[in-house]
Amino acid sequence: MRPTRILIAESAGFSPRALQTLRAAGAAVTAADLTRAGLMRAIGSADVVWVRLRTRVDAALLDR
């Protein structure tokens, strides 16, 4: 079974402890401070997308 692929799209200020916990649970975590264009390119390879307040998740993003 492959690990869950988690994309953290707003990594600035993201808790290092939370990253460690996710990785310790076996997740393949990518943490980056992405623009919307960067997120549009990266979202297709993720199982989970973790955003905070800056990112607007809409149909165009989810259809990727």
PDB file of N, CA and C in Angstrom:
ATOM      1  N   MET A   1       0.843  -1.180   0.000  1.00  0.00           N
ATOM      2  CA  MET A   1       0.000   0.000   0.000  1.00  0.00           C
ATOM      3  C   MET A   1       0.890   1.245   0.000  1.00  0.00           C
ATOM      4  N   ARG A   2       0.585   2.162  -0.880  1.00  0.00           N
ATOM      5  CA  ARG A   2       1.401   3.382  -0.949  1.00  0.00           C
ATOM      6  C   ARG A   2       0.963   4.376   0.126  1.00  0.00           C
ATOM      7  N   PRO A   3       1.875   5.226   0.552  1.00  0.00           N
ATOM      8  CA  PRO A   3       1.528   6.218   1.571  1.00  0.00           C
ATOM      9  C   PRO A   3       0.584   7.278   1.006  1.00  0.00           C
ATOM     10  N   THR A   4      -0.209   7.847   1.868  1.00  0.00           N
ATOM     11  CA  THR A   4      -1.071   8.966   1.492  1.00  0.00           C
ATOM     12  C   THR A   4      -0.196  10.149   1.126  1.00  0.00           C
ATOM     13  N   ARG A   5      -0.482  10.757  -0.011  1.00  0.00           N
ATOM     14  CA  ARG A   5       0.298  11.913  -0.482  1.00  0.00           C
ATOM     15  C   ARG A   5      -0.410  13.187  -0.049  1.00  0.00           C
ATOM     16  N   ILE A   6       0.224  13.930   0.847  1.00  0.00           N
ATOM     17  CA  ILE A   6      -0.344  15.166   1.380  1.00  0.00           C
ATOM     18  C   ILE A   6       0.439  16.347   0.829  1.00  0.00           C
ATOM     19  N   LEU A   7      -0.273  17.295   0.252  1.00  0.00           N
ATOM     20  CA  LEU A   7       0.327  18.524  -0.249  1.00  0.00           C
ATOM     21  C   LEU A   7      -0.094  19.664   0.656  1.00  0.00           C
ATOM     22  N   ILE A   8       0.863  20.246   1.334  1.00  0.00           N
ATOM     23  CA  ILE A   8       0.604  21.426   2.164  1.00  0.00           C
ATOM     24  C   ILE A   8       0.939  22.627   1.292  1.00  0.00           C
ATOM     25  N   ALA A   9      -0.099  23.352   0.886  1.00  0.00           N
ATOM     26  CA  ALA A   9       0.048  24.399  -0.112  1.00  0.00           C
ATOM     27  C   ALA A   9       0.474  25.742   0.464  1.00  0.00           C
ATOM     28  N   GLU A  10       0.367  25.902   1.754  1.00  0.00           N
ATOM     29  CA  GLU A  10       0.772  27.144   2.417  1.00  0.00           C
ATOM     30  C   GLU A  10       1.679  26.785   3.587  1.00  0.00           C
ATOM     31  N   SER A  11       2.929  26.558   3.284  1.00  0.00           N
ATOM     32  CA  SER A  11       3.841  26.041   4.312  1.00  0.00           C
ATOM     33  C   SER A  11       4.416  27.111   5.227  1.00  0.00           C
ATOM     34  N   ALA A  12       4.337  28.375   4.841  1.00  0.00           N
ATOM     35  CA  ALA A  12       4.876  29.449   5.688  1.00  0.00           C
ATOM     36  C   ALA A  12       4.147  29.433   7.035  1.00  0.00           C
ATOM     37  N   GLY A  13       4.892  29.248   8.078  1.00  0.00           N
ATOM     38  CA  GLY A  13       4.319  29.222   9.413  1.00  0.00           C
ATOM     39  C   GLY A  13       3.686  27.890   9.803  1.00  0.00           C
ATOM     40  N   PHE A  14       3.796  26.880   8.931  1.00  0.00           N
ATOM     41  CA  PHE A  14       3.228  25.572   9.257  1.00  0.00           C
ATOM     42  C   PHE A  14       4.063  24.928  10.360  1.00  0.00           C
ATOM     43  N   SER A  15       3.419  24.307  11.273  1.00  0.00           N
ATOM     44  CA  SER A  15       4.083  23.729  12.438  1.00  0.00           C
ATOM     45  C   SER A  15       5.050  22.602  12.062  1.00  0.00           C
ATOM     46  N   PRO A  16       6.327  22.733  12.423  1.00  0.00           N
ATOM     47  CA  PRO A  16       7.270  21.640  12.196  1.00  0.00           C
ATOM     48  C   PRO A  16       6.843  20.363  12.926  1.00  0.00           C
ATOM     49  N   ARG A  17       6.222  20.521  14.060  1.00  0.00           N
ATOM     50  CA  ARG A  17       5.757  19.363  14.825  1.00  0.00           C
ATOM     51  C   ARG A  17       4.631  18.645  14.076  1.00  0.00           C
ATOM     52  N   ALA A  18       3.742  19.415  13.448  1.00  0.00           N
ATOM     53  CA  ALA A  18       2.670  18.808  12.662  1.00  0.00           C
ATOM     54  C   ALA A  18       3.247  18.052  11.470  1.00  0.00           C
ATOM     55  N   LEU A  19       4.248  18.636  10.808  1.00  0.00           N
ATOM     56  CA  LEU A  19       4.917  17.940   9.697  1.00  0.00           C
ATOM     57  C   LEU A  19       5.515  16.626  10.166  1.00  0.00           C
ATOM     58  N   GLN A  20       6.192  16.681  11.282  1.00  0.00           N
ATOM     59  CA  GLN A  20       6.822  15.484  11.846  1.00  0.00           C
ATOM     60  C   GLN A  20       5.770  14.420  12.168  1.00  0.00           C
ATOM     61  N   THR A  21       4.659  14.838  12.720  1.00  0.00           N
ATOM     62  CA  THR A  21       3.591  13.904  13.073  1.00  0.00           C
ATOM     63  C   THR A  21       3.001  13.238  11.837  1.00  0.00           C
ATOM     64  N   LEU A  22       2.757  14.026  10.786  1.00  0.00           N
ATOM     65  CA  LEU A  22       2.219  13.472   9.547  1.00  0.00           C
ATOM     66  C   LEU A  22       3.186  12.465   8.933  1.00  0.00           C
ATOM     67  N   ARG A  23       4.454  12.821   8.902  1.00  0.00           N
ATOM     68  CA  ARG A  23       5.456  11.918   8.326  1.00  0.00           C
ATOM     69  C   ARG A  23       5.623  10.664   9.173  1.00  0.00           C
ATOM     70  N   ALA A  24       5.576  10.811  10.496  1.00  0.00           N
ATOM     71  CA  ALA A  24       5.692   9.656  11.386  1.00  0.00           C
ATOM     72  C   ALA A  24       4.510   8.699  11.208  1.00  0.00           C
ATOM     73  N   ALA A  25       3.373   9.243  10.779  1.00  0.00           N
ATOM     74  CA  ALA A  25       2.187   8.409  10.541  1.00  0.00           C
ATOM     75  C   ALA A  25       2.261   7.700   9.189  1.00  0.00           C
ATOM     76  N   GLY A  26       3.329   7.968   8.435  1.00  0.00           N
ATOM     77  CA  GLY A  26       3.530   7.274   7.178  1.00  0.00           C
ATOM     78  C   GLY A  26       3.119   8.035   5.933  1.00  0.00           C
ATOM     79  N   ALA A  27       2.716   9.275   6.087  1.00  0.00           N
ATOM     80  CA  ALA A  27       2.309  10.081   4.937  1.00  0.00           C
ATOM     81  C   ALA A  27       3.529  10.587   4.173  1.00  0.00           C
ATOM     82  N   ALA A  28       3.363  10.725   2.874  1.00  0.00           N
ATOM     83  CA  ALA A  28       4.382  11.364   2.028  1.00  0.00           C
ATOM     84  C   ALA A  28       3.969  12.821   1.919  1.00  0.00           C
ATOM     85  N   VAL A  29       4.654  13.679   2.646  1.00  0.00           N
ATOM     86  CA  VAL A  29       4.254  15.083   2.760  1.00  0.00           C
ATOM     87  C   VAL A  29       5.149  15.969   1.907  1.00  0.00           C
ATOM     88  N   THR A  30       4.503  16.814   1.105  1.00  0.00           N
ATOM     89  CA  THR A  30       5.196  17.863   0.371  1.00  0.00           C
ATOM     90  C   THR A  30       4.700  19.185   0.929  1.00  0.00           C
ATOM     91  N   ALA A  31       5.601  19.989   1.435  1.00  0.00           N
ATOM     92  CA  ALA A  31       5.234  21.285   1.999  1.00  0.00           C
ATOM     93  C   ALA A  31       5.885  22.375   1.164  1.00  0.00           C
ATOM     94  N   ALA A  32       5.062  23.263   0.632  1.00  0.00           N
ATOM     95  CA  ALA A  32       5.566  24.348  -0.196  1.00  0.00           C
ATOM     96  C   ALA A  32       4.643  25.546  -0.044  1.00  0.00           C
ATOM     97  N   ASP A  33       5.168  26.709  -0.288  1.00  0.00           N
ATOM     98  CA  ASP A  33       4.356  27.925  -0.255  1.00  0.00           C
ATOM     99  C   ASP A  33       4.001  28.249  -1.706  1.00  0.00           C
ATOM    100  N   LEU A  34       2.897  27.673  -2.183  1.00  0.00           N
ATOM    101  CA  LEU A  34       2.549  27.715  -3.595  1.00  0.00           C
ATOM    102  C   LEU A  34       1.642  28.886  -3.960  1.00  0.00           C
ATOM    103  N   THR A  35       1.870  29.407  -5.130  1.00  0.00           N
ATOM    104  CA  THR A  35       0.920  30.336  -5.732  1.00  0.00           C
ATOM    105  C   THR A  35      -0.246  29.512  -6.250  1.00  0.00           C
ATOM    106  N   ARG A  36      -1.294  30.164  -6.686  1.00  0.00           N
ATOM    107  CA  ARG A  36      -2.420  29.415  -7.254  1.00  0.00           C
ATOM    108  C   ARG A  36      -1.970  28.610  -8.484  1.00  0.00           C
ATOM    109  N   ALA A  37      -1.154  29.216  -9.335  1.00  0.00           N
ATOM    110  CA  ALA A  37      -0.667  28.509 -10.518  1.00  0.00           C
ATOM    111  C   ALA A  37       0.153  27.277 -10.111  1.00  0.00           C
ATOM    112  N   GLY A  38       0.991  27.418  -9.111  1.00  0.00           N
ATOM    113  CA  GLY A  38       1.778  26.288  -8.618  1.00  0.00           C
ATOM    114  C   GLY A  38       0.896  25.200  -8.040  1.00  0.00           C
ATOM    115  N   LEU A  39      -0.124  25.600  -7.330  1.00  0.00           N
ATOM    116  CA  LEU A  39      -1.056  24.634  -6.757  1.00  0.00           C
ATOM    117  C   LEU A  39      -1.824  23.911  -7.866  1.00  0.00           C
ATOM    118  N   MET A  40      -2.206  24.627  -8.901  1.00  0.00           N
ATOM    119  CA  MET A  40      -2.908  24.008 -10.030  1.00  0.00           C
ATOM    120  C   MET A  40      -2.036  22.920 -10.672  1.00  0.00           C
ATOM    121  N   ARG A  41      -0.749  23.151 -10.741  1.00  0.00           N
ATOM    122  CA  ARG A  41       0.162  22.153 -11.317  1.00  0.00           C
ATOM    123  C   ARG A  41       0.374  20.963 -10.382  1.00  0.00           C
ATOM    124  N   ALA A  42       0.400  21.204  -9.094  1.00  0.00           N
ATOM    125  CA  ALA A  42       0.782  20.171  -8.130  1.00  0.00           C
ATOM    126  C   ALA A  42      -0.383  19.336  -7.599  1.00  0.00           C
ATOM    127  N   ILE A  43      -1.575  19.845  -7.663  1.00  0.00           N
ATOM    128  CA  ILE A  43      -2.696  19.204  -6.977  1.00  0.00           C
ATOM    129  C   ILE A  43      -3.031  17.812  -7.516  1.00  0.00           C
ATOM    130  N   GLY A  44      -2.780  17.570  -8.787  1.00  0.00           N
ATOM    131  CA  GLY A  44      -3.138  16.294  -9.388  1.00  0.00           C
ATOM    132  C   GLY A  44      -2.435  15.088  -8.792  1.00  0.00           C
ATOM    133  N   SER A  45      -1.288  15.292  -8.200  1.00  0.00           N
ATOM    134  CA  SER A  45      -0.541  14.166  -7.639  1.00  0.00           C
ATOM    135  C   SER A  45      -0.792  13.975  -6.141  1.00  0.00           C
ATOM    136  N   ALA A  46      -1.699  14.747  -5.569  1.00  0.00           N
ATOM    137  CA  ALA A  46      -1.947  14.676  -4.124  1.00  0.00           C
ATOM    138  C   ALA A  46      -3.252  13.946  -3.821  1.00  0.00           C
ATOM    139  N   ASP A  47      -3.254  13.238  -2.704  1.00  0.00           N
ATOM    140  CA  ASP A  47      -4.482  12.629  -2.183  1.00  0.00           C
ATOM    141  C   ASP A  47      -5.212  13.616  -1.281  1.00  0.00           C
ATOM    142  N   VAL A  48      -4.419  14.417  -0.580  1.00  0.00           N
ATOM    143  CA  VAL A  48      -4.941  15.406   0.370  1.00  0.00           C
ATOM    144  C   VAL A  48      -4.260  16.731   0.085  1.00  0.00           C
ATOM    145  N   VAL A  49      -5.042  17.797   0.039  1.00  0.00           N
ATOM    146  CA  VAL A  49      -4.482  19.144  -0.108  1.00  0.00           C
ATOM    147  C   VAL A  49      -4.839  19.919   1.149  1.00  0.00           C
ATOM    148  N   TRP A  50      -3.804  20.427   1.791  1.00  0.00           N
ATOM    149  CA  TRP A  50      -3.976  21.151   3.042  1.00  0.00           C
ATOM    150  C   TRP A  50      -3.735  22.627   2.740  1.00  0.00           C
ATOM    151  N   VAL A  51      -4.786  23.429   2.912  1.00  0.00           N
ATOM    152  CA  VAL A  51      -4.672  24.873   2.689  1.00  0.00           C
ATOM    153  C   VAL A  51      -5.051  25.603   3.966  1.00  0.00           C
ATOM    154  N   ARG A  52      -4.729  26.871   3.963  1.00  0.00           N
ATOM    155  CA  ARG A  52      -5.090  27.693   5.112  1.00  0.00           C
ATOM    156  C   ARG A  52      -6.013  28.793   4.606  1.00  0.00           C
ATOM    157  N   LEU A  53      -5.815  30.010   4.989  1.00  0.00           N
ATOM    158  CA  LEU A  53      -6.757  31.074   4.641  1.00  0.00           C
ATOM    159  C   LEU A  53      -6.498  31.738   3.289  1.00  0.00           C
ATOM    160  N   ARG A  54      -5.290  31.710   2.799  1.00  0.00           N
ATOM    161  CA  ARG A  54      -4.941  32.433   1.578  1.00  0.00           C
ATOM    162  C   ARG A  54      -5.502  31.785   0.315  1.00  0.00           C
ATOM    163  N   THR A  55      -5.640  30.491   0.317  1.00  0.00           N
ATOM    164  CA  THR A  55      -6.004  29.748  -0.890  1.00  0.00           C
ATOM    165  C   THR A  55      -7.506  29.561  -1.001  1.00  0.00           C
ATOM    166  N   ARG A  56      -8.032  29.903  -2.155  1.00  0.00           N
ATOM    167  CA  ARG A  56      -9.449  29.685  -2.433  1.00  0.00           C
ATOM    168  C   ARG A  56      -9.581  28.360  -3.190  1.00  0.00           C
ATOM    169  N   VAL A  57     -10.299  27.431  -2.614  1.00  0.00           N
ATOM    170  CA  VAL A  57     -10.536  26.140  -3.251  1.00  0.00           C
ATOM    171  C   VAL A  57     -11.878  26.237  -3.968  1.00  0.00           C
ATOM    172  N   ASP A  58     -11.832  26.070  -5.291  1.00  0.00           N
ATOM    173  CA  ASP A  58     -13.038  26.157  -6.092  1.00  0.00           C
ATOM    174  C   ASP A  58     -13.079  24.993  -7.085  1.00  0.00           C
ATOM    175  N   ALA A  59     -14.109  24.966  -7.902  1.00  0.00           N
ATOM    176  CA  ALA A  59     -14.281  23.853  -8.849  1.00  0.00           C
ATOM    177  C   ALA A  59     -13.103  23.731  -9.806  1.00  0.00           C
ATOM    178  N   ALA A  60     -12.569  24.841 -10.272  1.00  0.00           N
ATOM    179  CA  ALA A  60     -11.433  24.795 -11.204  1.00  0.00           C
ATOM    180  C   ALA A  60     -10.232  24.086 -10.576  1.00  0.00           C
ATOM    181  N   LEU A  61     -10.013  24.313  -9.302  1.00  0.00           N
ATOM    182  CA  LEU A  61      -8.909  23.668  -8.608  1.00  0.00           C
ATOM    183  C   LEU A  61      -9.200  22.183  -8.375  1.00  0.00           C
ATOM    184  N   LEU A  62     -10.401  21.874  -7.951  1.00  0.00           N
ATOM    185  CA  LEU A  62     -10.756  20.483  -7.648  1.00  0.00           C
ATOM    186  C   LEU A  62     -10.838  19.611  -8.892  1.00  0.00           C
ATOM    187  N   ASP A  63     -11.113  20.202 -10.040  1.00  0.00           N
ATOM    188  CA  ASP A  63     -11.191  19.429 -11.279  1.00  0.00           C
ATOM    189  C   ASP A  63      -9.825  18.975 -11.779  1.00  0.00           C
ATOM    190  N   ARG A  64      -8.755  19.475 -11.193  1.00  0.00           N
ATOM    191  CA  ARG A  64      -7.401  19.115 -11.601  1.00  0.00           C
ATOM    192  C   ARG A  64      -7.115  17.733 -11.101  1.00  0.00           C
TER     193      ARG A  64
END
